[in-house]
Protein backbone atom coordinates (compact mmCIF):
# COMPACT_ATOMS: atom_id res chain seq x y z
CA UNK A 1 4.62 28.56 125.49
CA UNK A 2 2.56 28.36 128.65
CA UNK A 3 -1.12 28.69 129.46
CA UNK A 4 -3.50 28.00 132.31
CA UNK A 5 -4.34 24.33 132.92
CA UNK A 6 -7.40 23.12 131.04
CA UNK A 7 -9.95 21.40 133.22
CA UNK A 8 -12.78 19.13 132.12
CA UNK A 9 -15.07 22.01 131.16
CA UNK A 10 -15.10 21.56 127.36
CA UNK A 11 -12.41 24.20 126.90
CA UNK A 12 -10.58 23.66 123.64
CA UNK A 13 -6.99 24.64 123.01
CA UNK A 14 -6.09 25.17 119.37
CA UNK A 15 -2.84 26.39 117.82
CA UNK A 16 -2.37 27.76 114.33
CA UNK A 17 1.15 28.48 113.11
CA UNK A 18 1.80 30.97 110.32
CA UNK A 19 5.33 30.11 109.24
CA UNK A 20 7.16 29.47 105.96
CA UNK A 21 6.75 25.93 104.65
CA UNK A 22 9.69 24.45 102.78
CA UNK A 23 8.81 20.78 102.23
CA UNK A 24 5.40 19.26 101.58
CA UNK A 25 4.20 16.64 104.04
CA UNK A 26 6.52 17.50 106.92
CA UNK A 27 5.19 16.11 110.20
CA UNK A 28 6.06 17.54 113.57
CA UNK A 29 5.81 16.10 117.04
CA UNK A 30 4.87 17.82 120.24
CA UNK A 31 4.38 17.13 123.92
CA UNK A 32 2.26 18.72 126.63
CA UNK A 33 3.60 19.14 130.16
CA UNK A 34 1.92 19.95 133.44
CA UNK A 35 4.94 21.67 134.95
CA UNK A 36 3.87 21.85 138.63
CA UNK A 37 3.09 18.12 138.84
CA UNK A 38 6.35 16.89 137.34
CA UNK A 39 4.45 14.15 135.49
CA UNK A 40 5.70 12.53 132.32
CA UNK A 41 4.79 14.63 129.24
CA UNK A 42 1.75 13.67 127.19
CA UNK A 43 2.37 13.14 123.47
CA UNK A 44 0.05 15.06 121.15
CA UNK A 45 -1.77 13.08 118.50
CA UNK A 46 -3.37 14.23 115.26
CA UNK A 47 -7.12 14.39 114.91
CA UNK A 48 -10.08 16.22 116.26
CA UNK A 49 -10.77 16.24 119.96
CA UNK A 50 -14.35 17.20 119.18
CA UNK A 51 -16.61 17.85 116.20
CA UNK A 52 -17.29 21.56 115.81
CA UNK A 53 -20.16 21.03 113.39
CA UNK A 54 -20.60 22.49 109.88
CA UNK A 55 -17.46 24.10 108.54
CA UNK A 56 -15.17 21.90 110.66
CA UNK A 57 -12.51 20.23 108.53
CA UNK A 58 -10.85 17.13 109.95
CA UNK A 59 -7.85 17.56 107.63
CA UNK A 60 -7.00 20.80 109.46
CA UNK A 61 -6.67 18.91 112.76
CA UNK A 62 -3.38 17.24 111.98
CA UNK A 63 0.30 17.36 112.84
CA UNK A 64 1.32 17.67 109.20
CA UNK A 65 2.52 20.71 107.33
CA UNK A 66 0.89 21.51 104.02
CA UNK A 67 2.13 23.78 101.27
CA UNK A 68 -0.42 26.17 99.78
CA UNK A 69 -1.77 24.78 96.49
CA UNK A 70 -0.15 27.56 94.43
CA UNK A 71 3.32 26.49 95.71
CA UNK A 72 3.04 22.76 95.00
CA UNK A 73 5.70 21.84 92.45
CA UNK A 74 7.61 25.10 92.87
CA UNK A 75 11.26 25.32 93.87
CA UNK A 76 11.15 29.01 94.84
CA UNK A 77 8.46 30.32 97.15
CA UNK A 78 8.13 33.90 98.23
CA UNK A 79 10.56 36.40 96.66
CA UNK A 80 10.98 39.77 98.36
CA UNK A 81 12.95 42.58 96.73
CA UNK A 82 13.95 45.25 99.26
CA UNK A 83 14.05 48.06 96.70
CA UNK A 84 13.47 48.01 92.94
CA UNK A 85 15.63 51.12 92.55
CA UNK A 86 19.14 51.38 93.95
CA UNK A 87 21.45 54.38 94.18
CA UNK A 88 24.92 52.89 94.77
CA UNK A 89 26.63 56.20 95.52
CA UNK A 90 28.03 55.34 98.95
CA UNK A 91 25.59 57.40 101.05
CA UNK A 92 24.23 54.19 102.68
CA UNK A 93 20.71 54.98 101.39
CA UNK A 94 19.44 52.39 98.88
CA UNK A 95 23.02 51.44 98.00
CA UNK A 96 22.23 47.71 97.76
CA UNK A 97 19.85 45.53 95.77
CA UNK A 98 18.69 42.96 98.32
CA UNK A 99 16.69 39.85 97.47
CA UNK A 100 15.15 37.38 99.92
CA UNK A 101 13.61 34.10 98.78
CA UNK A 102 12.54 30.71 100.09
CA UNK A 103 13.79 27.51 98.47
CA UNK A 104 11.21 24.74 98.58
CA UNK A 105 11.10 20.97 98.01
CA UNK A 106 14.86 20.50 97.56
CA UNK A 107 16.21 17.18 98.80
CA UNK A 108 19.91 17.92 98.27
CA UNK A 109 22.18 20.92 97.59
CA UNK A 110 21.10 22.44 94.27
CA UNK A 111 22.66 25.11 92.01
CA UNK A 112 21.01 28.51 92.50
CA UNK A 113 22.10 31.54 90.47
CA UNK A 114 21.19 35.22 90.29
CA UNK A 115 22.42 37.25 87.34
CA UNK A 116 22.03 40.85 86.18
CA UNK A 117 21.35 41.59 82.48
CA UNK A 118 21.06 44.77 80.45
CA UNK A 119 17.86 45.35 78.46
CA UNK A 120 19.39 43.82 75.32
CA UNK A 121 19.78 40.51 77.19
CA UNK A 122 23.54 40.69 77.70
CA UNK A 123 24.69 39.23 81.03
CA UNK A 124 26.57 41.87 83.01
CA UNK A 125 27.17 40.29 86.40
CA UNK A 126 26.59 37.13 88.44
CA UNK A 127 25.40 38.15 91.91
CA UNK A 128 25.85 34.58 93.16
CA UNK A 129 26.13 31.04 91.80
CA UNK A 130 26.02 28.61 94.71
CA UNK A 131 24.75 25.22 95.79
CA UNK A 132 21.90 25.84 98.23
CA UNK A 133 19.62 23.73 100.37
CA UNK A 134 15.98 24.07 101.30
CA UNK A 135 15.10 27.15 103.37
CA UNK A 136 15.40 30.94 103.29
CA UNK A 137 18.19 32.81 101.49
CA UNK A 138 19.23 36.46 101.26
CA UNK A 139 21.71 38.06 98.86
CA UNK A 140 22.76 41.60 98.00
CA UNK A 141 24.32 43.34 95.01
CA UNK A 142 26.13 46.65 95.29
CA UNK A 143 25.69 47.70 91.65
CA UNK A 144 29.26 46.79 90.73
CA UNK A 145 30.42 44.68 87.81
CA UNK A 146 33.12 41.99 87.94
CA UNK A 147 35.83 44.61 87.30
CA UNK A 148 34.63 46.69 90.29
CA UNK A 149 33.09 49.49 88.24
CA UNK A 150 29.53 50.67 88.88
CA UNK A 151 26.87 50.00 86.26
CA UNK A 152 25.63 53.13 84.51
CA UNK A 153 22.23 54.52 85.56
CA UNK A 154 19.37 52.76 83.82
CA UNK A 155 17.11 49.73 83.92
CA UNK A 156 18.39 46.19 84.31
CA UNK A 157 16.89 42.71 84.50
CA UNK A 158 17.59 40.24 87.27
CA UNK A 159 17.24 36.48 86.79
CA UNK A 160 16.95 34.06 89.72
CA UNK A 161 17.37 30.45 88.63
CA UNK A 162 17.24 27.07 90.43
CA UNK A 163 18.57 24.07 88.47
CA UNK A 164 17.14 20.93 90.09
CA UNK A 165 17.47 17.41 88.68
CA UNK A 166 13.93 17.28 87.30
CA UNK A 167 13.62 20.82 85.95
CA UNK A 168 14.83 24.40 86.09
CA UNK A 169 12.78 27.23 87.59
CA UNK A 170 13.36 30.89 86.66
CA UNK A 171 12.07 34.17 88.05
CA UNK A 172 12.82 37.60 86.61
CA UNK A 173 12.30 41.23 87.48
CA UNK A 174 13.34 44.77 86.66
CA UNK A 175 15.86 46.80 88.67
CA UNK A 176 16.52 50.51 88.32
CA UNK A 177 19.89 52.14 89.03
CA UNK A 178 20.06 55.91 89.59
CA UNK A 179 22.61 58.38 90.99
């Protein structure tokens, strides 16, 4: 990104990034360049350039990434379901159940599974069962069972599970199928 040069007039340049965080304590590095001069880049260092008075928090002036308190200790962050009702009739409208999620804190490939169950708790289909690494993931289900047939209209349960060394984390939800 580029911006006008900052002169010695007490102008402050501050950046705030709103991005997904996958691992607690990640530190990033950065450099500042004055392109027209061709000088060697200046390394950015953590800390406050100035004290802004009451309400100024030194811990926010850092080059570290922090996970929101509610996500500390979690393996799955945000889960987004594209549509809670699918109509897998081939008209290309709501034909797929799509799930997006962020995997957090993982240090090595870890088994992640999504399964579909009927309301009696009987497993009907495994959407995926894969080793995954930290970061975002997206998967879809077309409403078909292992034999290729479509599930009957009704309500179903989905289960998203991460099996890490220390513990297993599960998330569930309801999915409707209609024709």
